[in-house]
Protein backbone atom coordinates (compact mmCIF):
# COMPACT_ATOMS: atom_id res chain seq x y z
CA MET A 1 -23.68 28.01 64.58
CA SER A 2 -22.76 29.59 61.32
CA ASP A 3 -21.14 27.59 58.56
CA ASP A 4 -17.88 29.52 58.99
CA ALA A 5 -17.64 28.55 62.67
CA LEU A 6 -18.28 24.89 61.89
CA GLU A 7 -15.71 24.90 59.10
CA TRP A 8 -13.15 26.56 61.38
CA LYS A 9 -13.67 23.96 64.12
CA ALA A 10 -13.51 21.12 61.59
CA SER A 11 -10.18 22.41 60.28
CA LEU A 12 -8.74 22.26 63.81
CA ILE A 13 -9.87 18.67 64.31
CA ARG A 14 -8.82 17.44 60.88
CA PRO A 15 -5.15 18.28 60.24
CA SER A 16 -3.83 18.98 56.79
CA MET A 17 -1.90 16.44 54.77
CA THR A 18 1.24 18.61 55.09
CA LEU A 19 1.06 18.72 58.89
CA SER A 20 0.41 14.98 58.98
CA ARG A 21 3.46 14.29 56.83
CA ILE A 22 5.60 16.50 59.07
CA LEU A 23 4.39 14.67 62.18
CA LEU A 24 5.09 11.30 60.57
CA ILE A 25 8.61 12.31 59.54
CA LEU A 26 9.42 13.81 62.95
CA GLY A 27 8.07 10.69 64.67
CA ALA A 28 10.13 8.37 62.48
CA TRP A 29 13.23 10.50 63.07
CA GLY A 30 12.60 10.38 66.82
CA LEU A 31 12.24 6.60 66.71
CA ILE A 32 15.54 6.27 64.83
CA LEU A 33 17.28 8.57 67.34
CA ASN A 34 15.85 6.58 70.23
CA VAL A 35 17.05 3.25 68.78
CA VAL A 36 20.51 4.71 68.09
CA ASN A 37 20.66 6.20 71.57
CA LEU A 38 19.70 2.94 73.27
CA THR A 39 22.05 0.77 71.18
CA ILE A 40 25.27 2.71 70.50
CA GLY A 41 24.67 6.12 72.09
CA ALA A 42 23.65 9.35 70.40
CA TYR A 43 26.91 11.03 71.42
CA SER A 44 30.30 9.51 70.74
CA GLY A 45 29.98 6.39 72.88
CA LYS A 46 27.64 8.10 75.31
CA LYS A 47 23.91 7.88 75.79
CA ALA A 48 21.86 11.06 75.54
CA LEU A 49 19.67 12.01 78.45
CA TRP A 50 16.63 13.49 76.71
CA SER A 51 15.37 15.40 79.74
CA GLY A 52 18.76 17.07 80.16
CA PHE A 53 19.10 17.70 76.44
CA PHE A 54 15.74 19.47 76.22
CA PHE A 55 15.75 21.19 79.64
CA SER A 56 19.43 22.22 80.00
CA GLY A 57 20.55 19.58 82.46
CA ALA A 58 23.13 16.82 82.13
CA SER A 59 22.86 15.91 78.46
CA ASN A 60 24.74 12.60 78.36
CA THR A 61 25.96 9.70 80.45
CA ASN A 62 28.19 6.65 80.15
CA SER A 63 25.46 4.51 81.73
CA SER A 64 23.37 2.33 79.45
CA ASP A 65 20.44 2.13 81.88
CA LEU A 66 16.95 2.74 80.56
CA VAL A 67 15.63 5.91 82.18
CA LEU A 68 12.24 7.61 82.21
CA GLY A 69 13.37 10.16 79.59
CA ASP A 70 13.96 7.34 77.09
CA LEU A 71 10.43 6.07 77.56
CA VAL A 72 8.92 9.56 77.32
CA PHE A 73 10.86 10.30 74.13
CA LEU A 74 9.77 6.94 72.70
CA LEU A 75 6.11 7.65 73.53
CA VAL A 76 6.29 11.14 72.02
CA SER A 77 7.87 9.74 68.84
CA LEU A 78 5.26 6.99 68.59
CA SER A 79 2.51 9.55 69.20
CA PHE A 80 3.84 11.73 66.37
CA CYS A 81 3.87 8.74 64.03
CA PHE A 82 0.35 7.76 65.07
CA LEU A 83 -1.02 11.30 64.73
CA GLY A 84 0.66 11.69 61.34
CA LEU A 85 -0.78 8.44 60.03
CA MET A 86 -4.25 9.20 61.43
CA GLY A 87 -4.17 12.71 59.98
CA MET A 88 -3.17 11.37 56.58
CA ARG A 89 -5.93 8.79 56.76
CA ASN A 90 -8.50 11.46 57.68
CA ALA A 91 -7.26 13.79 54.94
CA LEU A 92 -7.66 11.00 52.42
CA GLY A 93 -11.18 10.43 53.70
CA GLY A 94 -11.17 6.70 54.12
CA ASP A 95 -9.69 3.62 55.65
CA ASN A 96 -7.83 2.46 52.57
CA GLY A 97 -5.45 4.35 50.39
CA LEU A 98 -2.88 5.28 53.04
CA LEU A 99 -0.17 3.02 51.64
CA ALA A 100 -1.04 4.12 48.12
CA ALA A 101 -0.72 7.77 49.17
CA LEU A 102 2.65 7.14 50.85
CA SER A 103 4.01 5.27 47.83
CA SER A 104 2.65 8.00 45.56
CA ASP A 105 4.49 10.62 47.66
CA PHE A 106 7.78 8.72 47.34
CA SER A 107 7.24 8.15 43.62
CA SER A 108 6.43 11.82 43.04
CA PHE A 109 9.50 12.89 45.01
CA GLY A 110 11.69 10.50 42.99
CA ASN A 111 10.26 11.81 39.73
CA LYS A 112 11.05 15.39 40.75
CA LEU A 113 14.66 14.42 41.50
CA PHE A 114 15.49 13.24 38.01
CA SER A 115 13.04 15.07 35.77
CA SER A 116 12.67 18.70 34.81
CA GLU A 117 9.22 18.26 33.22
CA GLN A 118 7.64 20.46 35.89
CA GLY A 119 10.49 22.96 35.73
CA TYR A 120 13.77 23.25 37.55
CA MET A 121 12.41 24.50 40.87
CA PRO A 122 10.90 21.14 41.98
CA THR A 123 14.14 19.42 40.99
CA LEU A 124 16.20 21.93 42.99
CA GLY A 125 13.89 21.60 46.00
CA SER A 126 14.05 17.81 45.94
CA TRP A 127 17.83 17.80 45.72
CA LEU A 128 18.13 20.24 48.63
CA ILE A 129 16.10 17.83 50.77
CA VAL A 130 18.28 14.90 49.69
CA PHE A 131 21.48 16.86 50.40
CA GLY A 132 20.17 17.78 53.86
CA VAL A 133 19.40 14.16 54.73
CA ILE A 134 22.71 12.88 53.30
CA PHE A 135 24.65 15.58 55.16
CA TYR A 136 23.01 14.68 58.48
CA LEU A 137 23.41 10.93 58.05
CA SER A 138 27.01 11.08 56.82
CA TRP A 139 28.10 13.51 59.55
CA SER A 140 26.37 11.45 62.22
CA ILE A 141 27.82 8.15 61.04
CA PHE A 142 31.40 9.36 60.49
CA ASN A 143 31.61 11.45 63.67
CA GLU A 144 29.50 9.11 65.80
CA THR A 145 27.37 11.93 67.12
CA TRP A 146 23.68 12.07 66.30
CA LEU A 147 22.86 15.15 68.41
CA ASP A 148 24.74 18.19 67.16
CA PRO A 149 23.00 21.59 66.96
CA GLY A 150 25.44 22.83 64.31
CA VAL A 151 24.70 19.87 62.07
CA TYR A 152 20.98 20.33 62.72
CA SER A 153 21.17 23.97 61.64
CA VAL A 154 22.75 23.05 58.30
CA MET A 155 20.40 20.10 57.76
CA ILE A 156 17.26 22.05 58.68
CA THR A 157 18.26 24.93 56.43
CA LEU A 158 18.70 22.64 53.42
CA ILE A 159 15.53 20.66 54.09
CA SER A 160 13.34 23.68 54.87
CA PHE A 161 14.49 25.55 51.77
CA GLY A 162 13.84 22.41 49.72
CA CYS A 163 10.35 22.01 51.16
CA GLY A 164 9.64 25.70 50.66
CA ILE A 165 10.73 25.55 47.02
CA LEU A 166 8.55 22.47 46.46
CA MET A 167 5.53 24.15 48.06
CA PHE A 168 6.12 27.30 46.03
CA ALA A 169 6.43 25.29 42.81
CA ASP A 170 3.24 23.35 43.61
CA SER A 171 1.32 26.55 44.33
CA GLU A 172 2.21 27.95 40.91
CA ARG A 173 0.45 25.11 39.15
């Protein structure tokens, strides 16, 4: 095989650090939603039925029984976390350094929040992400509903614009 074909196949097997971070964040978010759903209910006092939510069936119930959809959603969330961590580990190229990379990511994000050394775009992008997370958490806590497409649309807009601005600012350097 040519070197280009081997490189192309290797890039499919070894995910990027960005994709791995996204998988880890989505997995952690899914785990939080699953815990909230099983303890207090993702809707106002009601438990979400994941199969109905994703496939247009009955989306909630007053029953607190553990159903197959809860287990499937838990396994998918755990799989996302696992794939994200494994992808980050492979991108770093070793067994150690994963915790250092995660703490470095948080430290770098915190530095961008309160410093304009790298310009104002990284600061703006970081604050958009923070506003998106705060908006989602505050709305969900105060209104006792963790599954709301309208809230998701606002949150995702803020977070995706923030991530896009951060990626754009990093590409300029």
